[in-house]
């Protein structure tokens, strides 16, 4: 679970850094949000599938660790 929260914290910090860089360069907050939205709006189906796979990796890791831990407890 710690790994999952670390993953989300890093994703949030990278998006925040992109917004801060836009704000420091003189763009407004709404322009910055629009540019982030536009970058995800133009992705193709294949790119979206790759993003989904990379987004789901931490969840798969956390779920498998939970199942292993639960299995270990039931064996003892």
N, C-alpha and C. Protein backbone atom coordinates (compact mmCIF):
# COMPACT_ATOMS: atom_id res chain seq x y z
N UNK A 1 0.82 -1.19 0.00
CA UNK A 1 0.00 0.00 0.00
C UNK A 1 0.86 1.26 0.00
N UNK A 2 2.03 1.15 0.63
CA UNK A 2 2.93 2.30 0.65
C UNK A 2 3.41 2.62 -0.76
N UNK A 3 3.66 1.58 -1.54
CA UNK A 3 4.12 1.79 -2.90
C UNK A 3 3.05 2.48 -3.74
N UNK A 4 1.81 2.11 -3.54
CA UNK A 4 0.71 2.71 -4.27
C UNK A 4 0.56 4.19 -3.93
N UNK A 5 0.67 4.52 -2.65
CA UNK A 5 0.57 5.94 -2.26
C UNK A 5 1.77 6.73 -2.78
N UNK A 6 2.93 6.11 -2.82
CA UNK A 6 4.11 6.78 -3.37
C UNK A 6 3.94 7.03 -4.85
N UNK A 7 3.35 6.09 -5.56
CA UNK A 7 3.09 6.23 -6.99
C UNK A 7 2.16 7.42 -7.25
N UNK A 8 1.08 7.52 -6.48
CA UNK A 8 0.15 8.64 -6.67
C UNK A 8 0.78 9.97 -6.27
N UNK A 9 1.60 9.96 -5.25
CA UNK A 9 2.26 11.19 -4.84
C UNK A 9 3.21 11.68 -5.93
N UNK A 10 3.95 10.78 -6.55
CA UNK A 10 4.85 11.17 -7.63
C UNK A 10 4.08 11.66 -8.86
N UNK A 11 2.97 11.03 -9.17
CA UNK A 11 2.15 11.48 -10.29
C UNK A 11 1.59 12.87 -10.02
N UNK A 12 1.11 13.09 -8.81
CA UNK A 12 0.58 14.41 -8.45
C UNK A 12 1.67 15.47 -8.50
N UNK A 13 2.84 15.13 -8.00
CA UNK A 13 3.94 16.10 -7.98
C UNK A 13 4.41 16.44 -9.39
N UNK A 14 4.40 15.48 -10.30
CA UNK A 14 4.81 15.78 -11.67
C UNK A 14 3.79 16.67 -12.38
N UNK A 15 2.50 16.42 -12.15
CA UNK A 15 1.48 17.31 -12.72
C UNK A 15 1.56 18.70 -12.11
N UNK A 16 1.82 18.76 -10.80
CA UNK A 16 1.96 20.05 -10.13
C UNK A 16 3.17 20.81 -10.67
N UNK A 17 4.26 20.10 -10.94
CA UNK A 17 5.44 20.74 -11.49
C UNK A 17 5.15 21.32 -12.88
N UNK A 18 4.40 20.60 -13.69
CA UNK A 18 4.04 21.09 -15.01
C UNK A 18 3.20 22.36 -14.90
N UNK A 19 2.28 22.38 -13.95
CA UNK A 19 1.43 23.57 -13.76
C UNK A 19 2.28 24.74 -13.25
N UNK A 20 3.16 24.49 -12.32
CA UNK A 20 4.00 25.57 -11.76
C UNK A 20 4.91 26.15 -12.83
N UNK A 21 5.47 25.30 -13.69
CA UNK A 21 6.33 25.80 -14.77
C UNK A 21 5.52 26.69 -15.71
N UNK A 22 4.29 26.28 -16.02
CA UNK A 22 3.43 27.12 -16.86
C UNK A 22 3.13 28.45 -16.18
N UNK A 23 2.87 28.41 -14.87
CA UNK A 23 2.57 29.65 -14.16
C UNK A 23 3.79 30.57 -14.11
N UNK A 24 4.97 30.00 -13.93
CA UNK A 24 6.19 30.81 -13.91
C UNK A 24 6.52 31.41 -15.27
N UNK A 25 6.08 30.76 -16.33
CA UNK A 25 6.34 31.28 -17.66
C UNK A 25 5.32 32.32 -18.09
N UNK A 26 4.34 32.61 -17.25
CA UNK A 26 3.41 33.69 -17.53
C UNK A 26 2.03 33.25 -17.99
N UNK A 27 1.77 31.99 -18.03
CA UNK A 27 0.44 31.52 -18.42
C UNK A 27 -0.48 31.56 -17.21
N UNK A 28 -1.76 31.61 -17.48
CA UNK A 28 -2.73 31.58 -16.40
C UNK A 28 -2.98 30.14 -15.98
N UNK A 29 -3.63 29.97 -14.84
CA UNK A 29 -3.92 28.62 -14.34
C UNK A 29 -4.87 27.89 -15.28
N UNK A 30 -5.84 28.59 -15.82
CA UNK A 30 -6.77 27.93 -16.74
C UNK A 30 -6.07 27.52 -18.03
N UNK A 31 -5.12 28.32 -18.52
CA UNK A 31 -4.35 27.93 -19.70
C UNK A 31 -3.51 26.70 -19.42
N UNK A 32 -2.95 26.63 -18.24
CA UNK A 32 -2.13 25.48 -17.87
C UNK A 32 -2.98 24.21 -17.80
N UNK A 33 -4.15 24.31 -17.19
CA UNK A 33 -5.04 23.14 -17.12
C UNK A 33 -5.52 22.73 -18.51
N UNK A 34 -5.77 23.72 -19.37
CA UNK A 34 -6.19 23.42 -20.73
C UNK A 34 -5.10 22.71 -21.51
N UNK A 35 -3.84 23.09 -21.30
CA UNK A 35 -2.75 22.43 -22.03
C UNK A 35 -2.57 20.99 -21.54
N UNK A 36 -2.75 20.73 -20.25
CA UNK A 36 -2.67 19.36 -19.74
C UNK A 36 -3.82 18.54 -20.31
N UNK A 37 -5.01 19.11 -20.33
CA UNK A 37 -6.17 18.40 -20.90
C UNK A 37 -5.95 18.13 -22.38
N UNK A 38 -5.42 19.09 -23.11
CA UNK A 38 -5.21 18.92 -24.55
C UNK A 38 -4.18 17.84 -24.84
N UNK A 39 -3.19 17.71 -23.98
CA UNK A 39 -2.18 16.68 -24.24
C UNK A 39 -2.75 15.28 -24.06
N UNK A 40 -3.72 15.10 -23.19
CA UNK A 40 -4.35 13.79 -23.04
C UNK A 40 -5.50 13.60 -24.03
N UNK A 41 -6.05 14.66 -24.55
CA UNK A 41 -7.20 14.56 -25.46
C UNK A 41 -6.80 14.08 -26.85
N UNK A 42 -5.55 14.25 -27.22
CA UNK A 42 -5.13 13.90 -28.58
C UNK A 42 -4.46 12.53 -28.66
N UNK A 43 -4.56 11.73 -27.61
CA UNK A 43 -3.93 10.42 -27.62
C UNK A 43 -4.75 9.44 -28.45
N UNK A 44 -4.06 8.55 -29.11
CA UNK A 44 -4.73 7.53 -29.91
C UNK A 44 -5.14 6.37 -29.01
N UNK A 45 -5.82 5.39 -29.58
CA UNK A 45 -6.27 4.24 -28.82
C UNK A 45 -5.08 3.43 -28.30
N UNK A 46 -4.06 3.25 -29.13
CA UNK A 46 -2.89 2.50 -28.71
C UNK A 46 -2.16 3.20 -27.57
N UNK A 47 -2.02 4.50 -27.66
CA UNK A 47 -1.37 5.26 -26.58
C UNK A 47 -2.19 5.18 -25.29
N UNK A 48 -3.49 5.22 -25.42
CA UNK A 48 -4.35 5.11 -24.24
C UNK A 48 -4.22 3.74 -23.59
N UNK A 49 -4.07 2.71 -24.39
CA UNK A 49 -3.90 1.36 -23.83
C UNK A 49 -2.57 1.24 -23.11
N UNK A 50 -1.52 1.82 -23.66
CA UNK A 50 -0.22 1.79 -23.00
C UNK A 50 -0.27 2.57 -21.68
N UNK A 51 -0.94 3.73 -21.68
CA UNK A 51 -1.08 4.51 -20.45
C UNK A 51 -1.87 3.72 -19.41
N UNK A 52 -2.90 3.00 -19.85
CA UNK A 52 -3.69 2.19 -18.92
C UNK A 52 -2.85 1.08 -18.31
N UNK A 53 -2.03 0.44 -19.13
CA UNK A 53 -1.17 -0.64 -18.62
C UNK A 53 -0.20 -0.09 -17.57
N UNK A 54 0.44 1.02 -17.88
CA UNK A 54 1.39 1.59 -16.92
C UNK A 54 0.70 2.14 -15.68
N UNK A 55 -0.55 2.59 -15.84
CA UNK A 55 -1.31 3.07 -14.69
C UNK A 55 -1.74 1.92 -13.79
N UNK A 56 -1.98 0.75 -14.39
CA UNK A 56 -2.47 -0.37 -13.60
C UNK A 56 -1.37 -1.19 -12.92
N UNK A 57 -0.12 -0.99 -13.30
CA UNK A 57 0.98 -1.78 -12.72
C UNK A 57 1.05 -1.66 -11.20
N UNK A 58 0.97 -0.48 -10.60
CA UNK A 58 1.01 -0.42 -9.13
C UNK A 58 -0.17 -1.13 -8.47
N UNK A 59 -1.34 -1.08 -9.09
CA UNK A 59 -2.49 -1.76 -8.53
C UNK A 59 -2.30 -3.27 -8.56
N UNK A 60 -1.79 -3.79 -9.66
CA UNK A 60 -1.55 -5.23 -9.77
C UNK A 60 -0.53 -5.65 -8.72
N UNK A 61 0.52 -4.85 -8.55
CA UNK A 61 1.54 -5.15 -7.57
C UNK A 61 0.95 -5.17 -6.15
N UNK A 62 0.13 -4.18 -5.83
CA UNK A 62 -0.47 -4.12 -4.49
C UNK A 62 -1.46 -5.27 -4.26
N UNK A 63 -2.22 -5.62 -5.27
CA UNK A 63 -3.20 -6.70 -5.13
C UNK A 63 -2.50 -8.04 -4.96
N UNK A 64 -1.46 -8.29 -5.75
CA UNK A 64 -0.75 -9.56 -5.61
C UNK A 64 -0.04 -9.66 -4.27
N UNK A 65 0.50 -8.57 -3.77
CA UNK A 65 1.14 -8.59 -2.45
C UNK A 65 0.11 -8.88 -1.37
N UNK A 66 -1.09 -8.31 -1.49
CA UNK A 66 -2.16 -8.57 -0.52
C UNK A 66 -2.58 -10.03 -0.56
N UNK A 67 -2.71 -10.59 -1.76
CA UNK A 67 -3.13 -11.99 -1.88
C UNK A 67 -2.07 -12.91 -1.30
N UNK A 68 -0.80 -12.63 -1.59
CA UNK A 68 0.28 -13.45 -1.03
C UNK A 68 0.29 -13.40 0.49
N UNK A 69 0.09 -12.20 1.03
CA UNK A 69 0.09 -12.05 2.49
C UNK A 69 -1.09 -12.80 3.11
N UNK A 70 -2.24 -12.72 2.47
CA UNK A 70 -3.43 -13.41 2.97
C UNK A 70 -3.26 -14.92 2.89
N UNK A 71 -2.64 -15.39 1.81
CA UNK A 71 -2.39 -16.81 1.66
C UNK A 71 -1.42 -17.33 2.70
N UNK A 72 -0.41 -16.52 2.99
CA UNK A 72 0.58 -16.88 4.00
C UNK A 72 -0.06 -17.02 5.38
N UNK A 73 -0.98 -16.11 5.70
CA UNK A 73 -1.65 -16.16 7.00
C UNK A 73 -2.57 -17.37 7.11
N UNK A 74 -3.20 -17.76 6.01
CA UNK A 74 -4.13 -18.91 6.07
C UNK A 74 -3.37 -20.23 6.17
N UNK A 75 -2.14 -20.27 5.70
CA UNK A 75 -1.35 -21.48 5.78
C UNK A 75 -0.88 -21.73 7.22
N UNK A 76 -0.53 -20.70 7.92
CA UNK A 76 -0.01 -20.84 9.29
C UNK A 76 -1.06 -21.25 10.23
